[in-house]
C-alpha atoms as a PDB file:
ATOM      1  CA  MET A   1     152.391  23.538 -50.648  1.00  0.00           C
ATOM      2  CA  PRO A   2     152.144  20.248 -53.999  1.00  0.00           C
ATOM      3  CA  THR A   3     149.392  20.474 -55.931  1.00  0.00           C
ATOM      4  CA  TYR A   4     148.199  16.619 -56.408  1.00  0.00           C
ATOM      5  CA  GLN A   5     145.678  15.854 -59.223  1.00  0.00           C
ATOM      6  CA  TYR A   6     143.029  13.372 -58.784  1.00  0.00           C
ATOM      7  CA  ALA A   7     140.609  11.231 -60.742  1.00  0.00           C
ATOM      8  CA  CYS A   8     137.548   9.289 -60.027  1.00  0.00           C
ATOM      9  CA  ASN A   9     137.414   5.906 -61.006  1.00  0.00           C
ATOM     10  CA  ALA A  10     133.279   5.422 -60.899  1.00  0.00           C
ATOM     11  CA  CYS A  11     133.051   8.952 -62.686  1.00  0.00           C
ATOM     12  CA  ALA A  12     135.869   9.751 -64.396  1.00  0.00           C
ATOM     13  CA  HIS A  13     135.391  13.244 -62.518  1.00  0.00           C
ATOM     14  CA  GLU A  14     138.989  15.000 -61.872  1.00  0.00           C
ATOM     15  CA  PHE A  15     140.208  17.754 -59.400  1.00  0.00           C
ATOM     16  CA  GLU A  16     142.905  19.607 -57.429  1.00  0.00           C
ATOM     17  CA  ALA A  17     143.886  19.588 -54.106  1.00  0.00           C
ATOM     18  CA  PHE A  18     146.241  21.443 -52.405  1.00  0.00           C
ATOM     19  CA  GLN A  19     148.430  19.634 -49.906  1.00  0.00           C
ATOM     20  CA  SER A  20     150.788  19.500 -46.931  1.00  0.00           C
ATOM     21  CA  PHE A  21     153.758  16.600 -47.564  1.00  0.00           C
ATOM     22  CA  SER A  22     151.895  14.930 -44.694  1.00  0.00           C
ATOM     23  CA  ASP A  23     148.339  14.937 -44.446  1.00  0.00           C
ATOM     24  CA  ALA A  24     147.418  11.733 -46.375  1.00  0.00           C
ATOM     25  CA  SER A  25     146.060  10.743 -49.463  1.00  0.00           C
ATOM     26  CA  LEU A  26     142.490  11.445 -49.949  1.00  0.00           C
ATOM     27  CA  THR A  27     140.094   8.344 -51.390  1.00  0.00           C
ATOM     28  CA  GLN A  28     136.545  10.117 -51.647  1.00  0.00           C
ATOM     29  CA  CYS A  29     135.432  11.625 -54.877  1.00  0.00           C
ATOM     30  CA  PRO A  30     133.843  14.867 -53.914  1.00  0.00           C
ATOM     31  CA  GLU A  31     131.240  14.360 -56.897  1.00  0.00           C
ATOM     32  CA  CYS A  32     129.853  10.723 -55.709  1.00  0.00           C
ATOM     33  CA  LYS A  33     132.348   9.583 -53.248  1.00  0.00           C
ATOM     34  CA  GLY A  34     133.601   7.116 -55.235  1.00  0.00           C
ATOM     35  CA  GLU A  35     136.588   5.597 -55.320  1.00  0.00           C
ATOM     36  CA  ILE A  36     140.030   7.926 -56.377  1.00  0.00           C
ATOM     37  CA  ARG A  37     142.804   7.696 -57.190  1.00  0.00           C
ATOM     38  CA  LYS A  38     146.001  10.012 -58.003  1.00  0.00           C
ATOM     39  CA  VAL A  39     147.214  11.077 -61.247  1.00  0.00           C
ATOM     40  CA  TYR A  40     150.310  11.724 -62.465  1.00  0.00           C
ATOM     41  CA  SER A  41     151.927  13.173 -65.225  1.00  0.00           C
ATOM     42  CA  ALA A  42     155.578  14.670 -65.881  1.00  0.00           C
ATOM     43  CA  VAL A  43     156.233  17.925 -64.300  1.00  0.00           C
ATOM     44  CA  GLY A  44     158.519  20.768 -66.043  1.00  0.00           C
ATOM     45  CA  VAL A  45     161.416  21.821 -63.702  1.00  0.00           C
ATOM     46  CA  VAL A  46     162.919  25.285 -64.117  1.00  0.00           C
ATOM     47  CA  PHE A  47     166.085  26.755 -62.379  1.00  0.00           C
ATOM     48  CA  LYS A  48     166.211  30.254 -62.559  1.00  0.00           C
ATOM     49  CA  GLY A  49     168.380  32.272 -60.935  1.00  0.00           C
ATOM     50  CA  SER A  50     172.743  32.094 -60.972  1.00  0.00           C
ATOM     51  CA  GLY A  51     174.256  29.080 -59.622  1.00  0.00           C
ATOM     52  CA  PHE A  52     173.006  26.228 -61.085  1.00  0.00           C
ATOM     53  CA  TYR A  53     175.936  25.636 -63.661  1.00  0.00           C
ATOM     54  CA  LYS A  54     179.546  25.655 -63.373  1.00  0.00           C
ATOM     55  CA  THR A  55     179.769  28.384 -65.449  1.00  0.00           C
ATOM     56  CA  ASP A  56     177.281  30.305 -64.003  1.00  0.00           C
ATOM     57  CA  SER A  57     179.824  30.708 -59.894  1.00  0.00           C
ATOM     58  CA  ALA A  58     183.103  30.997 -62.236  1.00  0.00           C
ATOM     59  CA  LYS A  59     185.331  33.680 -61.616  1.00  0.00           C
ATOM     60  CA  LYS A  60     185.000  36.514 -64.854  1.00  0.00           C
ATOM     61  CA  THR A  61     188.472  37.823 -65.809  1.00  0.00           C
ATOM     62  CA  THR A  62     188.449  40.724 -67.142  1.00  0.00           C
ATOM     63  CA  ALA A  63     190.785  42.514 -69.777  1.00  0.00           C
ATOM     64  CA  SER A  64     193.239  44.681 -67.319  1.00  0.00           C
ATOM     65  CA  GLU A  65     193.963  41.156 -65.427  1.00  0.00           C
ATOM     66  CA  PRO A  66     196.346  38.681 -66.538  1.00  0.00           C
ATOM     67  CA  VAL A  67     194.996  35.399 -66.933  1.00  0.00           C
ATOM     68  CA  LYS A  68     197.101  33.512 -64.660  1.00  0.00           C
ATOM     69  CA  THR A  69     198.989  29.859 -66.268  1.00  0.00           C
ATOM     70  CA  GLU A  70     201.247  26.879 -64.960  1.00  0.00           C
ATOM     71  CA  PRO A  71     204.553  26.731 -66.794  1.00  0.00           C
ATOM     72  CA  ALA A  72     205.012  23.209 -68.595  1.00  0.00           C
ATOM     73  CA  PRO A  73     206.848  20.805 -66.894  1.00  0.00           C
ATOM     74  CA  ALA A  74     210.662  21.052 -67.894  1.00  0.00           C
ATOM     75  CA  ALA A  75     212.233  17.828 -70.611  1.00  0.00           C
ATOM     76  CA  PRO A  76     213.981  15.115 -68.293  1.00  0.00           C
ATOM     77  CA  ALA A  77     217.520  15.783 -69.475  1.00  0.00           C
ATOM     78  CA  ALA A  78     218.991  13.747 -72.194  1.00  0.00           C
ATOM     79  CA  PRO A  79     221.240  10.810 -71.074  1.00  0.00           C
ATOM     80  CA  LYS A  80     225.460  12.308 -71.925  1.00  0.00           C
ATOM     81  CA  ALA A  81     226.930  10.422 -74.604  1.00  0.00           C
ATOM     82  CA  ASP A  82     230.549   9.152 -73.490  1.00  0.00           C
END
């Protein structure tokens, strides 16, 4: 459940509230019953586990497995000189 941060416009009281996405925003300060506002700040995102990068899910080759390569395309034949 997300945590939202609020600040009161009247008394500057700051607090956090655990609310569902579908819950309405709070409108009243619990200290002075004044009007409050949501406080927005930067959120740090950390991706843990495998599979977040292209190299994480790539098949790893071992020393016993030969690396398969495509042969280079053949050069076009030169025209014959008569």
